């Protein structure tokens, strides 16, 4: 039942996009598509890119610490495997206590790693919302201005449509991503975006 609804939704949106694309040439409503995945790209929205880079820099120490711990965990795992292989051989000098100590060290580090990873993710998500939400809101306002200025009745995010597997084909004439990025980057800084820096 759910797949039938999905198919009808996909067909409806595909039909809507086809009609809207055809209406672009007539005096009917205009449709534009924006791919928000390009906002953080090389030629994307400069304020967005700067904020993402600042977040990455802010959490670089956490990321490096987690990478170091992950490497240590891999090393311990290899050591445990080697010790177990050596202990299985006849007349091995490896005592079970030696292996148990390494396993205990591994398990302790694994718990610490999991805790630090979850803590870093929670702090990153809170900080990401505080930094990026004002910029996203400003982009939303700019999209309204852009649509009004350029005469678009509707602008859809093709990235979200693609996530839902709704996009089957797109006429590139209605893609306005790069034009919007230029429009946004040429605007003066607003209080929302400068406060987030």
Protein backbone atom coordinates (compact mmCIF):
# COMPACT_ATOMS: atom_id res chain seq x y z
CA UNK A 1 0.00 0.00 0.00
CA UNK A 2 2.82 2.37 0.91
CA UNK A 3 4.62 1.66 -2.38
CA UNK A 4 1.44 2.43 -4.34
CA UNK A 5 1.16 5.83 -2.62
CA UNK A 6 4.84 6.46 -3.34
CA UNK A 7 4.36 5.63 -7.04
CA UNK A 8 1.34 7.97 -7.26
CA UNK A 9 3.30 10.73 -5.51
CA UNK A 10 6.26 10.24 -7.85
CA UNK A 11 4.00 10.28 -10.92
CA UNK A 12 2.18 13.38 -9.67
CA UNK A 13 5.39 15.30 -9.06
CA UNK A 14 6.90 14.14 -12.35
CA UNK A 15 3.76 15.25 -14.19
CA UNK A 16 3.76 18.52 -12.27
CA UNK A 17 7.42 19.17 -13.16
CA UNK A 18 6.78 18.35 -16.82
CA UNK A 19 3.80 20.71 -16.98
CA UNK A 20 5.71 23.40 -15.08
CA UNK A 21 8.70 23.08 -17.40
CA UNK A 22 6.41 23.42 -20.42
CA UNK A 23 4.78 26.46 -18.82
CA UNK A 24 8.17 28.18 -18.57
CA UNK A 25 7.85 29.26 -22.17
CA UNK A 26 4.27 30.45 -21.83
CA UNK A 27 3.04 33.26 -19.59
CA UNK A 28 2.13 30.77 -16.86
CA UNK A 29 3.74 30.27 -13.46
CA UNK A 30 7.49 29.75 -13.42
CA UNK A 31 9.18 26.87 -11.64
CA UNK A 32 12.79 26.78 -10.51
CA UNK A 33 14.88 23.98 -9.05
CA UNK A 34 17.74 24.54 -6.64
CA UNK A 35 20.22 21.89 -5.57
CA UNK A 36 21.18 22.78 -2.00
CA UNK A 37 24.02 20.23 -2.09
CA UNK A 38 26.00 22.83 -4.05
CA UNK A 39 25.73 25.44 -1.29
CA UNK A 40 28.80 23.99 0.46
CA UNK A 41 30.66 23.23 -2.77
CA UNK A 42 33.73 24.96 -4.16
CA UNK A 43 31.70 27.69 -5.87
CA UNK A 44 28.91 27.67 -3.28
CA UNK A 45 27.56 30.17 -0.78
CA UNK A 46 30.59 31.81 0.81
CA UNK A 47 28.97 32.38 4.23
CA UNK A 48 27.77 28.79 4.32
CA UNK A 49 31.21 27.44 3.37
CA UNK A 50 32.95 29.68 5.93
CA UNK A 51 30.59 28.47 8.69
CA UNK A 52 31.11 24.80 7.78
CA UNK A 53 34.89 25.30 7.72
CA UNK A 54 34.78 27.08 11.09
CA UNK A 55 32.80 24.18 12.58
CA UNK A 56 35.27 21.66 11.17
CA UNK A 57 38.16 23.63 12.64
CA UNK A 58 36.40 23.97 16.00
CA UNK A 59 35.96 20.19 16.25
CA UNK A 60 39.28 19.18 14.66
CA UNK A 61 40.85 18.36 18.06
CA UNK A 62 37.94 16.03 18.91
CA UNK A 63 38.19 14.35 15.52
CA UNK A 64 41.95 13.87 15.86
CA UNK A 65 41.59 12.47 19.39
CA UNK A 66 38.98 9.98 18.18
CA UNK A 67 41.19 8.95 15.24
CA UNK A 68 44.10 8.36 17.65
CA UNK A 69 41.89 6.26 19.91
CA UNK A 70 40.56 4.27 16.93
CA UNK A 71 44.14 3.54 15.81
CA UNK A 72 45.03 2.41 19.34
CA UNK A 73 41.98 0.13 19.38
CA UNK A 74 43.04 -1.45 16.07
CA UNK A 75 46.57 -1.96 17.41
CA UNK A 76 45.27 -3.59 20.59
CA UNK A 77 42.97 -5.83 18.58
CA UNK A 78 45.91 -7.04 16.47
CA UNK A 79 48.00 -7.58 19.60
CA UNK A 80 45.22 -9.66 21.17
CA UNK A 81 44.88 -11.77 18.01
CA UNK A 82 48.65 -12.33 17.88
CA UNK A 83 48.82 -13.24 21.58
CA UNK A 84 45.95 -15.73 21.18
CA UNK A 85 47.65 -17.33 18.18
CA UNK A 86 50.92 -17.61 20.09
CA UNK A 87 49.15 -18.97 23.19
CA UNK A 88 47.49 -21.72 21.14
CA UNK A 89 50.87 -23.18 20.15
CA UNK A 90 52.34 -26.01 22.23
CA UNK A 91 54.72 -24.95 25.02
CA UNK A 92 53.80 -21.27 24.55
CA UNK A 93 55.22 -18.88 27.16
CA UNK A 94 52.10 -16.66 26.81
CA UNK A 95 49.97 -16.81 29.94
CA UNK A 96 46.18 -16.36 29.88
CA UNK A 97 46.58 -13.42 32.32
CA UNK A 98 48.59 -11.55 29.68
CA UNK A 99 45.78 -11.93 27.15
CA UNK A 100 43.14 -11.05 29.74
CA UNK A 101 45.01 -7.84 30.60
CA UNK A 102 45.11 -6.81 26.91
CA UNK A 103 41.42 -7.64 26.48
CA UNK A 104 40.57 -5.57 29.55
CA UNK A 105 42.64 -2.66 28.21
CA UNK A 106 40.86 -2.96 24.85
CA UNK A 107 37.40 -3.04 26.42
CA UNK A 108 38.16 -0.05 28.66
CA UNK A 109 39.44 1.97 25.69
CA UNK A 110 36.42 0.90 23.58
CA UNK A 111 34.02 2.20 26.25
CA UNK A 112 35.97 5.46 26.51
CA UNK A 113 35.99 5.80 22.71
CA UNK A 114 32.22 5.27 22.50
CA UNK A 115 31.58 7.83 25.25
CA UNK A 116 33.85 10.45 23.65
CA UNK A 117 32.38 9.82 20.21
CA UNK A 118 28.79 10.25 21.44
CA UNK A 119 29.76 13.33 23.45
CA UNK A 120 31.52 14.92 20.47
CA UNK A 121 28.56 14.15 18.18
CA UNK A 122 26.08 15.70 20.64
CA UNK A 123 28.22 18.83 21.09
CA UNK A 124 28.74 19.11 17.32
CA UNK A 125 25.00 18.84 16.62
CA UNK A 126 24.19 21.56 19.18
CA UNK A 127 26.90 23.84 17.83
CA UNK A 128 25.99 23.09 14.20
CA UNK A 129 22.40 24.18 14.86
CA UNK A 130 23.52 27.35 16.64
CA UNK A 131 25.89 28.31 13.83
CA UNK A 132 24.05 27.08 10.74
CA UNK A 133 20.37 27.73 11.55
CA UNK A 134 20.67 31.55 11.27
CA UNK A 135 22.45 31.11 7.92
CA UNK A 136 19.81 28.65 6.70
CA UNK A 137 17.06 31.09 7.73
CA UNK A 138 18.83 33.89 5.88
CA UNK A 139 19.15 31.67 2.80
CA UNK A 140 15.40 30.97 3.06
CA UNK A 141 14.64 34.71 3.13
CA UNK A 142 17.00 35.27 0.21
CA UNK A 143 15.21 32.52 -1.75
CA UNK A 144 11.93 34.39 -1.23
CA UNK A 145 13.55 37.62 -2.48
CA UNK A 146 15.14 35.79 -5.41
CA UNK A 147 11.84 34.14 -6.41
CA UNK A 148 9.99 37.46 -6.25
CA UNK A 149 12.70 39.32 -8.15
CA UNK A 150 13.04 36.68 -10.89
CA UNK A 151 9.32 35.93 -11.18
CA UNK A 152 9.33 32.34 -9.91
CA UNK A 153 6.05 31.03 -8.52
CA UNK A 154 7.72 27.98 -7.02
CA UNK A 155 11.30 26.90 -6.27
CA UNK A 156 11.90 23.32 -5.18
CA UNK A 157 14.97 21.72 -3.65
CA UNK A 158 16.07 19.01 -6.06
CA UNK A 159 18.34 17.51 -3.37
CA UNK A 160 15.31 16.73 -1.18
CA UNK A 161 13.36 15.40 -4.16
CA UNK A 162 16.31 13.17 -5.10
CA UNK A 163 16.51 11.84 -1.51
CA UNK A 164 12.89 10.77 -1.81
CA UNK A 165 13.61 9.13 -5.21
CA UNK A 166 11.04 11.39 -6.82
CA UNK A 167 13.19 12.97 -9.53
CA UNK A 168 13.18 10.96 -12.74
CA UNK A 169 14.39 13.61 -15.17
CA UNK A 170 15.14 17.32 -15.06
CA UNK A 171 15.25 19.94 -17.76
CA UNK A 172 18.38 21.95 -16.96
CA UNK A 173 16.64 25.14 -18.06
CA UNK A 174 14.81 25.26 -14.74
CA UNK A 175 17.93 24.71 -12.60
CA UNK A 176 18.71 28.03 -10.93
CA UNK A 177 21.28 26.92 -8.32
CA UNK A 178 24.28 28.83 -9.65
CA UNK A 179 22.23 31.94 -10.39
CA UNK A 180 20.86 31.92 -6.83
CA UNK A 181 24.34 31.39 -5.35
CA UNK A 182 25.59 34.45 -7.26
CA UNK A 183 22.53 36.40 -6.11
CA UNK A 184 23.08 35.39 -2.47
CA UNK A 185 26.84 36.01 -2.46
CA UNK A 186 26.34 39.51 -3.89
CA UNK A 187 23.98 40.53 -1.05
CA UNK A 188 25.35 42.56 1.85
CA UNK A 189 25.96 40.66 5.12
CA UNK A 190 22.92 40.50 7.38
CA UNK A 191 22.78 40.50 11.16
CA UNK A 192 21.82 36.79 11.16
CA UNK A 193 24.87 35.65 9.23
CA UNK A 194 27.39 37.92 10.89
CA UNK A 195 26.23 36.90 14.37
CA UNK A 196 26.83 33.25 13.54
CA UNK A 197 30.53 33.75 12.80
